[in-house]
C-alpha atoms as a PDB file:
ATOM      1  CA  UNK A   1      54.249 -24.629  34.178  1.00  0.00           C
ATOM      2  CA  UNK A   2      52.563 -25.623  36.956  1.00  0.00           C
ATOM      3  CA  UNK A   3      53.987 -22.694  39.337  1.00  0.00           C
ATOM      4  CA  UNK A   4      52.491 -20.126  37.186  1.00  0.00           C
ATOM      5  CA  UNK A   5      49.053 -21.193  36.789  1.00  0.00           C
ATOM      6  CA  UNK A   6      47.776 -20.206  40.456  1.00  0.00           C
ATOM      7  CA  UNK A   7      49.537 -16.972  40.595  1.00  0.00           C
ATOM      8  CA  UNK A   8      47.026 -16.062  37.553  1.00  0.00           C
ATOM      9  CA  UNK A   9      44.088 -15.476  38.325  1.00  0.00           C
ATOM     10  CA  UNK A  10      45.737 -13.461  41.709  1.00  0.00           C
ATOM     11  CA  UNK A  11      47.423 -11.053  39.427  1.00  0.00           C
ATOM     12  CA  UNK A  12      44.512 -10.389  37.056  1.00  0.00           C
ATOM     13  CA  UNK A  13      42.282 -10.478  40.037  1.00  0.00           C
ATOM     14  CA  UNK A  14      44.101  -6.759  40.858  1.00  0.00           C
ATOM     15  CA  UNK A  15      41.808  -3.639  40.051  1.00  0.00           C
ATOM     16  CA  UNK A  16      44.764  -2.047  39.408  1.00  0.00           C
ATOM     17  CA  UNK A  17      45.485  -3.121  36.260  1.00  0.00           C
ATOM     18  CA  UNK A  18      41.932  -2.161  35.016  1.00  0.00           C
ATOM     19  CA  UNK A  19      42.570   1.566  36.543  1.00  0.00           C
ATOM     20  CA  UNK A  20      46.133   1.550  34.090  1.00  0.00           C
ATOM     21  CA  UNK A  21      44.628   0.066  31.174  1.00  0.00           C
ATOM     22  CA  UNK A  22      41.423   3.487  31.868  1.00  0.00           C
ATOM     23  CA  UNK A  23      43.738   6.055  32.392  1.00  0.00           C
ATOM     24  CA  UNK A  24      46.863   5.489  29.561  1.00  0.00           C
ATOM     25  CA  UNK A  25      43.571   5.020  26.986  1.00  0.00           C
ATOM     26  CA  UNK A  26      42.137   8.354  27.959  1.00  0.00           C
ATOM     27  CA  UNK A  27      45.491  10.253  27.818  1.00  0.00           C
ATOM     28  CA  UNK A  28      46.270   8.223  24.826  1.00  0.00           C
ATOM     29  CA  UNK A  29      42.664   9.518  23.509  1.00  0.00           C
ATOM     30  CA  UNK A  30      43.105  13.158  24.763  1.00  0.00           C
ATOM     31  CA  UNK A  31      46.563  13.642  23.120  1.00  0.00           C
ATOM     32  CA  UNK A  32      46.109  12.668  19.551  1.00  0.00           C
ATOM     33  CA  UNK A  33      42.090  14.119  19.978  1.00  0.00           C
ATOM     34  CA  UNK A  34      41.366  15.949  22.265  1.00  0.00           C
ATOM     35  CA  UNK A  35      45.351  18.465  22.254  1.00  0.00           C
ATOM     36  CA  UNK A  36      45.707  18.466  26.004  1.00  0.00           C
ATOM     37  CA  UNK A  37      47.796  20.891  27.089  1.00  0.00           C
ATOM     38  CA  UNK A  38      50.489  18.215  27.844  1.00  0.00           C
ATOM     39  CA  UNK A  39      53.859  17.507  26.521  1.00  0.00           C
ATOM     40  CA  UNK A  40      55.119  14.664  26.238  1.00  0.00           C
ATOM     41  CA  UNK A  41      58.531  15.338  27.633  1.00  0.00           C
ATOM     42  CA  UNK A  42      55.979  16.171  31.100  1.00  0.00           C
ATOM     43  CA  UNK A  43      54.741  12.992  30.409  1.00  0.00           C
ATOM     44  CA  UNK A  44      57.911  11.093  30.365  1.00  0.00           C
ATOM     45  CA  UNK A  45      59.506  13.077  33.285  1.00  0.00           C
ATOM     46  CA  UNK A  46      55.909  12.322  35.429  1.00  0.00           C
ATOM     47  CA  UNK A  47      56.585   8.674  34.531  1.00  0.00           C
ATOM     48  CA  UNK A  48      60.033   8.269  34.682  1.00  0.00           C
ATOM     49  CA  UNK A  49      59.911  10.033  38.667  1.00  0.00           C
ATOM     50  CA  UNK A  50      56.681   7.968  39.951  1.00  0.00           C
ATOM     51  CA  UNK A  51      58.600   4.552  38.806  1.00  0.00           C
ATOM     52  CA  UNK A  52      62.074   5.484  40.097  1.00  0.00           C
ATOM     53  CA  UNK A  53      60.968   7.058  43.922  1.00  0.00           C
ATOM     54  CA  UNK A  54      59.005   3.618  44.088  1.00  0.00           C
ATOM     55  CA  UNK A  55      61.841   1.656  42.941  1.00  0.00           C
ATOM     56  CA  UNK A  56      64.303   3.670  45.440  1.00  0.00           C
ATOM     57  CA  UNK A  57      61.826   3.304  48.636  1.00  0.00           C
ATOM     58  CA  UNK A  58      61.169  -0.373  47.488  1.00  0.00           C
ATOM     59  CA  UNK A  59      65.165  -0.892  47.814  1.00  0.00           C
ATOM     60  CA  UNK A  60      65.670   1.612  51.151  1.00  0.00           C
ATOM     61  CA  UNK A  61      62.787  -0.293  52.576  1.00  0.00           C
ATOM     62  CA  UNK A  62      63.601  -3.114  52.386  1.00  0.00           C
ATOM     63  CA  UNK A  63      60.244  -4.247  50.645  1.00  0.00           C
ATOM     64  CA  UNK A  64      60.700  -8.046  49.154  1.00  0.00           C
ATOM     65  CA  UNK A  65      59.965  -6.779  45.416  1.00  0.00           C
ATOM     66  CA  UNK A  66      59.188  -3.633  43.294  1.00  0.00           C
ATOM     67  CA  UNK A  67      55.352  -3.003  41.742  1.00  0.00           C
ATOM     68  CA  UNK A  68      55.214  -0.193  39.930  1.00  0.00           C
ATOM     69  CA  UNK A  69      50.829  -0.518  38.860  1.00  0.00           C
ATOM     70  CA  UNK A  70      50.487   2.330  42.000  1.00  0.00           C
ATOM     71  CA  UNK A  71      53.240   5.022  41.043  1.00  0.00           C
ATOM     72  CA  UNK A  72      51.766   4.602  37.809  1.00  0.00           C
ATOM     73  CA  UNK A  73      48.266   5.839  37.937  1.00  0.00           C
ATOM     74  CA  UNK A  74      49.955   8.244  40.237  1.00  0.00           C
ATOM     75  CA  UNK A  75      51.918   9.458  37.827  1.00  0.00           C
ATOM     76  CA  UNK A  76      48.995   8.719  35.036  1.00  0.00           C
ATOM     77  CA  UNK A  77      46.051  11.092  36.793  1.00  0.00           C
ATOM     78  CA  UNK A  78      49.221  13.821  37.296  1.00  0.00           C
ATOM     79  CA  UNK A  79      49.804  13.803  33.499  1.00  0.00           C
ATOM     80  CA  UNK A  80      45.840  14.429  32.848  1.00  0.00           C
ATOM     81  CA  UNK A  81      45.029  17.217  35.640  1.00  0.00           C
ATOM     82  CA  UNK A  82      47.867  18.553  36.526  1.00  0.00           C
ATOM     83  CA  UNK A  83      48.970  21.552  34.238  1.00  0.00           C
ATOM     84  CA  UNK A  84      53.189  23.256  34.938  1.00  0.00           C
ATOM     85  CA  UNK A  85      55.022  25.070  32.038  1.00  0.00           C
ATOM     86  CA  UNK A  86      58.402  24.057  33.634  1.00  0.00           C
ATOM     87  CA  UNK A  87      59.415  20.620  33.732  1.00  0.00           C
ATOM     88  CA  UNK A  88      61.009  20.266  37.364  1.00  0.00           C
ATOM     89  CA  UNK A  89      57.584  21.226  38.384  1.00  0.00           C
ATOM     90  CA  UNK A  90      55.742  17.746  37.157  1.00  0.00           C
ATOM     91  CA  UNK A  91      58.715  16.110  38.659  1.00  0.00           C
ATOM     92  CA  UNK A  92      58.941  17.750  42.283  1.00  0.00           C
ATOM     93  CA  UNK A  93      55.194  16.622  42.126  1.00  0.00           C
ATOM     94  CA  UNK A  94      56.150  13.061  40.910  1.00  0.00           C
ATOM     95  CA  UNK A  95      57.751  12.215  43.504  1.00  0.00           C
ATOM     96  CA  UNK A  96      56.235  14.256  46.428  1.00  0.00           C
ATOM     97  CA  UNK A  97      53.250  11.551  45.589  1.00  0.00           C
ATOM     98  CA  UNK A  98      55.589   8.431  45.537  1.00  0.00           C
ATOM     99  CA  UNK A  99      57.235   9.439  48.419  1.00  0.00           C
ATOM    100  CA  UNK A 100      54.503  11.193  50.663  1.00  0.00           C
ATOM    101  CA  UNK A 101      52.968   7.012  51.001  1.00  0.00           C
ATOM    102  CA  UNK A 102      56.379   5.710  52.547  1.00  0.00           C
ATOM    103  CA  UNK A 103      57.136   8.742  54.753  1.00  0.00           C
ATOM    104  CA  UNK A 104      53.443   9.961  56.205  1.00  0.00           C
ATOM    105  CA  UNK A 105      52.107   6.683  57.555  1.00  0.00           C
ATOM    106  CA  UNK A 106      49.882   5.506  60.468  1.00  0.00           C
ATOM    107  CA  UNK A 107      49.835   2.606  61.783  1.00  0.00           C
ATOM    108  CA  UNK A 108      51.720   0.920  58.811  1.00  0.00           C
ATOM    109  CA  UNK A 109      49.057   2.718  56.335  1.00  0.00           C
ATOM    110  CA  UNK A 110      49.847   6.204  54.376  1.00  0.00           C
ATOM    111  CA  UNK A 111      47.735   8.858  55.317  1.00  0.00           C
ATOM    112  CA  UNK A 112      47.179  10.503  52.001  1.00  0.00           C
ATOM    113  CA  UNK A 113      46.233   9.666  48.858  1.00  0.00           C
ATOM    114  CA  UNK A 114      49.524   9.980  46.614  1.00  0.00           C
ATOM    115  CA  UNK A 115      47.858  12.214  43.627  1.00  0.00           C
ATOM    116  CA  UNK A 116      45.979  14.498  46.159  1.00  0.00           C
ATOM    117  CA  UNK A 117      48.806  15.222  48.183  1.00  0.00           C
ATOM    118  CA  UNK A 118      50.963  16.548  44.887  1.00  0.00           C
ATOM    119  CA  UNK A 119      48.300  18.354  43.626  1.00  0.00           C
ATOM    120  CA  UNK A 120      47.537  20.112  47.289  1.00  0.00           C
ATOM    121  CA  UNK A 121      51.476  20.620  47.467  1.00  0.00           C
ATOM    122  CA  UNK A 122      51.451  22.137  43.956  1.00  0.00           C
ATOM    123  CA  UNK A 123      48.536  23.748  43.857  1.00  0.00           C
ATOM    124  CA  UNK A 124      49.089  25.256  47.287  1.00  0.00           C
ATOM    125  CA  UNK A 125      52.589  27.095  46.124  1.00  0.00           C
ATOM    126  CA  UNK A 126      51.190  28.555  43.391  1.00  0.00           C
ATOM    127  CA  UNK A 127      53.665  26.085  40.972  1.00  0.00           C
ATOM    128  CA  UNK A 128      51.375  24.946  39.217  1.00  0.00           C
ATOM    129  CA  UNK A 129      47.395  24.396  38.053  1.00  0.00           C
ATOM    130  CA  UNK A 130      44.687  21.620  38.178  1.00  0.00           C
ATOM    131  CA  UNK A 131      42.844  20.950  34.668  1.00  0.00           C
ATOM    132  CA  UNK A 132      38.984  21.274  35.304  1.00  0.00           C
ATOM    133  CA  UNK A 133      38.554  18.074  32.998  1.00  0.00           C
ATOM    134  CA  UNK A 134      36.342  19.571  30.612  1.00  0.00           C
ATOM    135  CA  UNK A 135      36.706  16.892  27.687  1.00  0.00           C
ATOM    136  CA  UNK A 136      33.653  17.187  25.792  1.00  0.00           C
ATOM    137  CA  UNK A 137      30.544  14.737  26.611  1.00  0.00           C
ATOM    138  CA  UNK A 138      31.524  12.169  23.980  1.00  0.00           C
ATOM    139  CA  UNK A 139      34.949  11.438  26.357  1.00  0.00           C
ATOM    140  CA  UNK A 140      32.894  12.094  29.793  1.00  0.00           C
ATOM    141  CA  UNK A 141      30.835   9.709  28.810  1.00  0.00           C
ATOM    142  CA  UNK A 142      33.323   6.962  27.470  1.00  0.00           C
ATOM    143  CA  UNK A 143      35.107   7.984  30.427  1.00  0.00           C
ATOM    144  CA  UNK A 144      32.728   7.201  32.948  1.00  0.00           C
ATOM    145  CA  UNK A 145      31.716   3.715  31.398  1.00  0.00           C
ATOM    146  CA  UNK A 146      35.094   2.653  31.188  1.00  0.00           C
ATOM    147  CA  UNK A 147      35.308   3.812  35.389  1.00  0.00           C
ATOM    148  CA  UNK A 148      31.301   2.298  35.861  1.00  0.00           C
ATOM    149  CA  UNK A 149      32.808  -1.204  33.685  1.00  0.00           C
ATOM    150  CA  UNK A 150      36.171  -1.070  35.912  1.00  0.00           C
ATOM    151  CA  UNK A 151      33.865  -1.886  39.192  1.00  0.00           C
ATOM    152  CA  UNK A 152      32.463  -4.250  37.082  1.00  0.00           C
ATOM    153  CA  UNK A 153      35.485  -6.088  35.536  1.00  0.00           C
ATOM    154  CA  UNK A 154      37.291  -6.332  38.828  1.00  0.00           C
ATOM    155  CA  UNK A 155      34.801  -6.638  41.470  1.00  0.00           C
ATOM    156  CA  UNK A 156      36.203  -3.618  43.652  1.00  0.00           C
ATOM    157  CA  UNK A 157      35.294  -4.665  46.482  1.00  0.00           C
ATOM    158  CA  UNK A 158      35.462  -1.189  48.419  1.00  0.00           C
ATOM    159  CA  UNK A 159      33.379   0.556  45.496  1.00  0.00           C
ATOM    160  CA  UNK A 160      31.174   2.132  47.617  1.00  0.00           C
ATOM    161  CA  UNK A 161      33.265   4.815  48.906  1.00  0.00           C
ATOM    162  CA  UNK A 162      33.049   5.784  45.288  1.00  0.00           C
ATOM    163  CA  UNK A 163      28.723   5.371  45.346  1.00  0.00           C
ATOM    164  CA  UNK A 164      28.562   7.003  48.260  1.00  0.00           C
ATOM    165  CA  UNK A 165      30.714  10.534  47.569  1.00  0.00           C
ATOM    166  CA  UNK A 166      29.210  10.591  43.985  1.00  0.00           C
ATOM    167  CA  UNK A 167      25.573  10.018  45.650  1.00  0.00           C
ATOM    168  CA  UNK A 168      25.968  12.384  48.605  1.00  0.00           C
ATOM    169  CA  UNK A 169      28.018  14.930  46.375  1.00  0.00           C
ATOM    170  CA  UNK A 170      25.611  15.114  43.457  1.00  0.00           C
ATOM    171  CA  UNK A 171      22.239  15.172  45.252  1.00  0.00           C
ATOM    172  CA  UNK A 172      23.807  17.819  47.752  1.00  0.00           C
ATOM    173  CA  UNK A 173      24.235  19.326  44.372  1.00  0.00           C
ATOM    174  CA  UNK A 174      20.948  18.648  43.185  1.00  0.00           C
ATOM    175  CA  UNK A 175      19.165  20.138  46.199  1.00  0.00           C
ATOM    176  CA  UNK A 176      20.688  22.841  46.418  1.00  0.00           C
ATOM    177  CA  UNK A 177      19.269  23.998  42.898  1.00  0.00           C
ATOM    178  CA  UNK A 178      16.247  23.529  44.032  1.00  0.00           C
ATOM    179  CA  UNK A 179      16.272  25.479  46.572  1.00  0.00           C
ATOM    180  CA  UNK A 180      17.774  28.188  45.225  1.00  0.00           C
ATOM    181  CA  UNK A 181      15.653  27.742  42.108  1.00  0.00           C
ATOM    182  CA  UNK A 182      18.329  27.213  40.211  1.00  0.00           C
ATOM    183  CA  UNK A 183      17.677  25.083  36.733  1.00  0.00           C
ATOM    184  CA  UNK A 184      19.017  21.345  36.970  1.00  0.00           C
ATOM    185  CA  UNK A 185      20.753  21.712  34.304  1.00  0.00           C
ATOM    186  CA  UNK A 186      23.160  23.889  36.958  1.00  0.00           C
ATOM    187  CA  UNK A 187      23.867  21.145  38.164  1.00  0.00           C
ATOM    188  CA  UNK A 188      24.137  17.953  35.868  1.00  0.00           C
ATOM    189  CA  UNK A 189      27.104  20.821  34.174  1.00  0.00           C
ATOM    190  CA  UNK A 190      28.968  20.545  37.223  1.00  0.00           C
ATOM    191  CA  UNK A 191      29.076  16.807  37.515  1.00  0.00           C
ATOM    192  CA  UNK A 192      30.311  16.752  34.072  1.00  0.00           C
ATOM    193  CA  UNK A 193      34.224  17.108  34.513  1.00  0.00           C
ATOM    194  CA  UNK A 194      36.217  14.409  33.749  1.00  0.00           C
ATOM    195  CA  UNK A 195      38.586  15.746  37.349  1.00  0.00           C
ATOM    196  CA  UNK A 196      35.372  14.832  39.057  1.00  0.00           C
ATOM    197  CA  UNK A 197      35.256  11.372  37.108  1.00  0.00           C
ATOM    198  CA  UNK A 198      39.280  11.015  38.014  1.00  0.00           C
ATOM    199  CA  UNK A 199      38.295  11.908  42.049  1.00  0.00           C
ATOM    200  CA  UNK A 200      35.931   9.588  42.447  1.00  0.00           C
ATOM    201  CA  UNK A 201      37.076   6.478  40.597  1.00  0.00           C
ATOM    202  CA  UNK A 202      40.942   7.002  41.166  1.00  0.00           C
ATOM    203  CA  UNK A 203      41.578   9.031  44.384  1.00  0.00           C
ATOM    204  CA  UNK A 204      38.625   8.809  46.952  1.00  0.00           C
ATOM    205  CA  UNK A 205      38.501   5.106  46.387  1.00  0.00           C
ATOM    206  CA  UNK A 206      42.131   4.522  46.635  1.00  0.00           C
ATOM    207  CA  UNK A 207      41.690   1.014  49.680  1.00  0.00           C
ATOM    208  CA  UNK A 208      45.051   2.121  51.376  1.00  0.00           C
ATOM    209  CA  UNK A 209      44.161   5.637  52.406  1.00  0.00           C
ATOM    210  CA  UNK A 210      40.379   4.931  53.468  1.00  0.00           C
ATOM    211  CA  UNK A 211      38.942   3.263  55.771  1.00  0.00           C
ATOM    212  CA  UNK A 212      38.842  -0.420  56.831  1.00  0.00           C
ATOM    213  CA  UNK A 213      35.351  -1.099  57.430  1.00  0.00           C
ATOM    214  CA  UNK A 214      32.227   0.011  54.980  1.00  0.00           C
ATOM    215  CA  UNK A 215      30.787   1.909  57.344  1.00  0.00           C
ATOM    216  CA  UNK A 216      33.855   3.878  58.209  1.00  0.00           C
ATOM    217  CA  UNK A 217      33.941   5.069  53.967  1.00  0.00           C
ATOM    218  CA  UNK A 218      30.261   5.868  54.106  1.00  0.00           C
ATOM    219  CA  UNK A 219      30.635   8.049  56.972  1.00  0.00           C
ATOM    220  CA  UNK A 220      34.362   9.217  55.150  1.00  0.00           C
ATOM    221  CA  UNK A 221      32.692   9.662  52.127  1.00  0.00           C
ATOM    222  CA  UNK A 222      30.367  12.150  53.469  1.00  0.00           C
ATOM    223  CA  UNK A 223      32.311  14.270  55.588  1.00  0.00           C
ATOM    224  CA  UNK A 224      34.865  14.876  52.097  1.00  0.00           C
ATOM    225  CA  UNK A 225      31.240  15.842  50.329  1.00  0.00           C
ATOM    226  CA  UNK A 226      30.801  18.486  52.969  1.00  0.00           C
ATOM    227  CA  UNK A 227      33.925  19.518  52.841  1.00  0.00           C
ATOM    228  CA  UNK A 228      33.963  19.787  49.121  1.00  0.00           C
ATOM    229  CA  UNK A 229      30.934  21.389  48.925  1.00  0.00           C
ATOM    230  CA  UNK A 230      31.895  24.030  51.342  1.00  0.00           C
ATOM    231  CA  UNK A 231      35.236  24.937  49.763  1.00  0.00           C
ATOM    232  CA  UNK A 232      33.306  25.210  46.724  1.00  0.00           C
ATOM    233  CA  UNK A 233      29.933  27.015  47.798  1.00  0.00           C
ATOM    234  CA  UNK A 234      31.092  28.497  50.931  1.00  0.00           C
ATOM    235  CA  UNK A 235      35.152  29.837  50.583  1.00  0.00           C
ATOM    236  CA  UNK A 236      34.491  30.122  46.431  1.00  0.00           C
ATOM    237  CA  UNK A 237      37.639  28.136  45.763  1.00  0.00           C
ATOM    238  CA  UNK A 238      38.148  25.619  43.023  1.00  0.00           C
ATOM    239  CA  UNK A 239      38.584  22.480  43.276  1.00  0.00           C
ATOM    240  CA  UNK A 240      35.979  21.422  45.974  1.00  0.00           C
ATOM    241  CA  UNK A 241      36.972  17.597  46.300  1.00  0.00           C
ATOM    242  CA  UNK A 242      40.714  17.823  46.110  1.00  0.00           C
ATOM    243  CA  UNK A 243      40.598  20.144  49.130  1.00  0.00           C
ATOM    244  CA  UNK A 244      37.727  18.187  50.828  1.00  0.00           C
ATOM    245  CA  UNK A 245      39.719  14.959  50.535  1.00  0.00           C
ATOM    246  CA  UNK A 246      42.668  16.038  52.031  1.00  0.00           C
ATOM    247  CA  UNK A 247      41.486  18.215  54.459  1.00  0.00           C
ATOM    248  CA  UNK A 248      39.465  14.715  55.569  1.00  0.00           C
ATOM    249  CA  UNK A 249      42.610  11.930  55.554  1.00  0.00           C
ATOM    250  CA  UNK A 250      43.402  12.585  58.708  1.00  0.00           C
ATOM    251  CA  UNK A 251      40.343  12.327  59.950  1.00  0.00           C
ATOM    252  CA  UNK A 252      41.172   8.232  58.398  1.00  0.00           C
ATOM    253  CA  UNK A 253      43.175   6.398  61.477  1.00  0.00           C
ATOM    254  CA  UNK A 254      40.039   7.902  63.396  1.00  0.00           C
ATOM    255  CA  UNK A 255      37.521   6.001  62.087  1.00  0.00           C
ATOM    256  CA  UNK A 256      40.065   3.405  61.400  1.00  0.00           C
ATOM    257  CA  UNK A 257      39.727   3.177  65.828  1.00  0.00           C
ATOM    258  CA  UNK A 258      35.565   4.071  66.300  1.00  0.00           C
ATOM    259  CA  UNK A 259      34.976   1.214  62.921  1.00  0.00           C
ATOM    260  CA  UNK A 260      37.283  -1.166  62.465  1.00  0.00           C
ATOM    261  CA  UNK A 261      37.879  -3.788  60.096  1.00  0.00           C
ATOM    262  CA  UNK A 262      39.973  -5.534  57.843  1.00  0.00           C
ATOM    263  CA  UNK A 263      42.980  -4.264  56.320  1.00  0.00           C
ATOM    264  CA  UNK A 264      42.677  -3.769  52.156  1.00  0.00           C
ATOM    265  CA  UNK A 265      45.127  -6.264  49.992  1.00  0.00           C
ATOM    266  CA  UNK A 266      45.651  -5.758  46.315  1.00  0.00           C
ATOM    267  CA  UNK A 267      45.890  -9.599  45.892  1.00  0.00           C
ATOM    268  CA  UNK A 268      42.720 -10.099  47.586  1.00  0.00           C
ATOM    269  CA  UNK A 269      40.944  -7.526  47.673  1.00  0.00           C
ATOM    270  CA  UNK A 270      37.508  -7.305  50.210  1.00  0.00           C
ATOM    271  CA  UNK A 271      35.693  -5.273  51.983  1.00  0.00           C
ATOM    272  CA  UNK A 272      37.137  -5.119  55.124  1.00  0.00           C
ATOM    273  CA  UNK A 273      34.436  -6.159  57.487  1.00  0.00           C
ATOM    274  CA  UNK A 274      35.328  -8.718  59.546  1.00  0.00           C
ATOM    275  CA  UNK A 275      33.591 -12.084  59.093  1.00  0.00           C
ATOM    276  CA  UNK A 276      34.365 -14.603  62.486  1.00  0.00           C
ATOM    277  CA  UNK A 277      35.099 -17.683  62.391  1.00  0.00           C
ATOM    278  CA  UNK A 278      32.563 -20.355  63.801  1.00  0.00           C
ATOM    279  CA  UNK A 279      33.330 -21.184  67.925  1.00  0.00           C
ATOM    280  CA  UNK A 280      34.097 -24.921  67.534  1.00  0.00           C
ATOM    281  CA  UNK A 281      36.602 -24.277  64.311  1.00  0.00           C
ATOM    282  CA  UNK A 282      38.764 -22.045  67.165  1.00  0.00           C
ATOM    283  CA  UNK A 283      38.192 -25.458  69.424  1.00  0.00           C
ATOM    284  CA  UNK A 284      39.356 -27.822  67.251  1.00  0.00           C
ATOM    285  CA  UNK A 285      42.557 -25.704  66.416  1.00  0.00           C
ATOM    286  CA  UNK A 286      45.418 -26.976  67.485  1.00  0.00           C
ATOM    287  CA  UNK A 287      47.497 -24.943  70.131  1.00  0.00           C
ATOM    288  CA  UNK A 288      50.301 -25.262  68.122  1.00  0.00           C
ATOM    289  CA  UNK A 289      49.385 -23.929  64.982  1.00  0.00           C
ATOM    290  CA  UNK A 290      47.533 -20.851  66.301  1.00  0.00           C
ATOM    291  CA  UNK A 291      50.727 -19.946  67.933  1.00  0.00           C
ATOM    292  CA  UNK A 292      52.467 -20.631  64.863  1.00  0.00           C
ATOM    293  CA  UNK A 293      49.188 -18.238  62.781  1.00  0.00           C
ATOM    294  CA  UNK A 294      49.634 -15.770  65.561  1.00  0.00           C
ATOM    295  CA  UNK A 295      53.676 -15.404  65.158  1.00  0.00           C
ATOM    296  CA  UNK A 296      53.943 -15.476  61.221  1.00  0.00           C
ATOM    297  CA  UNK A 297      51.275 -12.737  61.042  1.00  0.00           C
ATOM    298  CA  UNK A 298      53.112 -10.213  63.377  1.00  0.00           C
ATOM    299  CA  UNK A 299      55.910 -10.841  60.857  1.00  0.00           C
ATOM    300  CA  UNK A 300      54.047  -9.921  58.023  1.00  0.00           C
ATOM    301  CA  UNK A 301      56.003  -7.886  55.207  1.00  0.00           C
ATOM    302  CA  UNK A 302      55.725  -4.126  54.909  1.00  0.00           C
ATOM    303  CA  UNK A 303      52.970  -2.517  52.082  1.00  0.00           C
ATOM    304  CA  UNK A 304      53.474   0.827  50.953  1.00  0.00           C
ATOM    305  CA  UNK A 305      51.138   0.212  47.639  1.00  0.00           C
END
């Protein structure tokens, strides 16, 4: 009993638990009331493949423990967004999402958001299509409240990229409408999309694929917004944010190099800003302790979540 108590605050401080609950509730509501075009078999295969791939990666790369939270988020997002008539395609998308974060990496950090990568591959190959997420105002506002509530309940330290993207994206849509003389009902209708909410709160906000520093994340959100609007209004293709994110993701290592910050840890959420300790504390620390700390920090286990 005494050993379980210190772990409890760490467990419930993990924002992924609230994300899983929100996505699960939305999927259940969509199946029962909105009649989503996704079969129970597709859901089962998508979830099962994601968990099996995560387990296989955990064993292959000798990770300390199997963690199902991140693959569950990716799989639930695929259930909400990906539409296909073939169950093997659903399994392939789920496999690509989880396997990609083990394989496509840069300096112990996966490059692409798992769901974003899987959707981009499946859509490009023509094996499936993406649900626009037009769920009606009741479901849209309910999910919006759940997403915003998640930022408050979990104290998401890196919600800045979500807020920045929504401000840039919605703001530029309104500016474009005013420039063209369109009524404001047009941009308001454009943002009433469940797919946009999933993108903003569960894909671009992924702390494992976004820049480490707050300034870097704001710059990143602006780049993704510009790319998304170019795809949407310049190339006249749907799902602009999806393609904008996949195009800008390879620039994250460069942003981290120019605007460095601390790496994110799910058990200890932080904004990524580096806090320097007073110099007096550094002087007072014994040399042996400093050396021990430096050695232990080098051998930290790799994380793929």
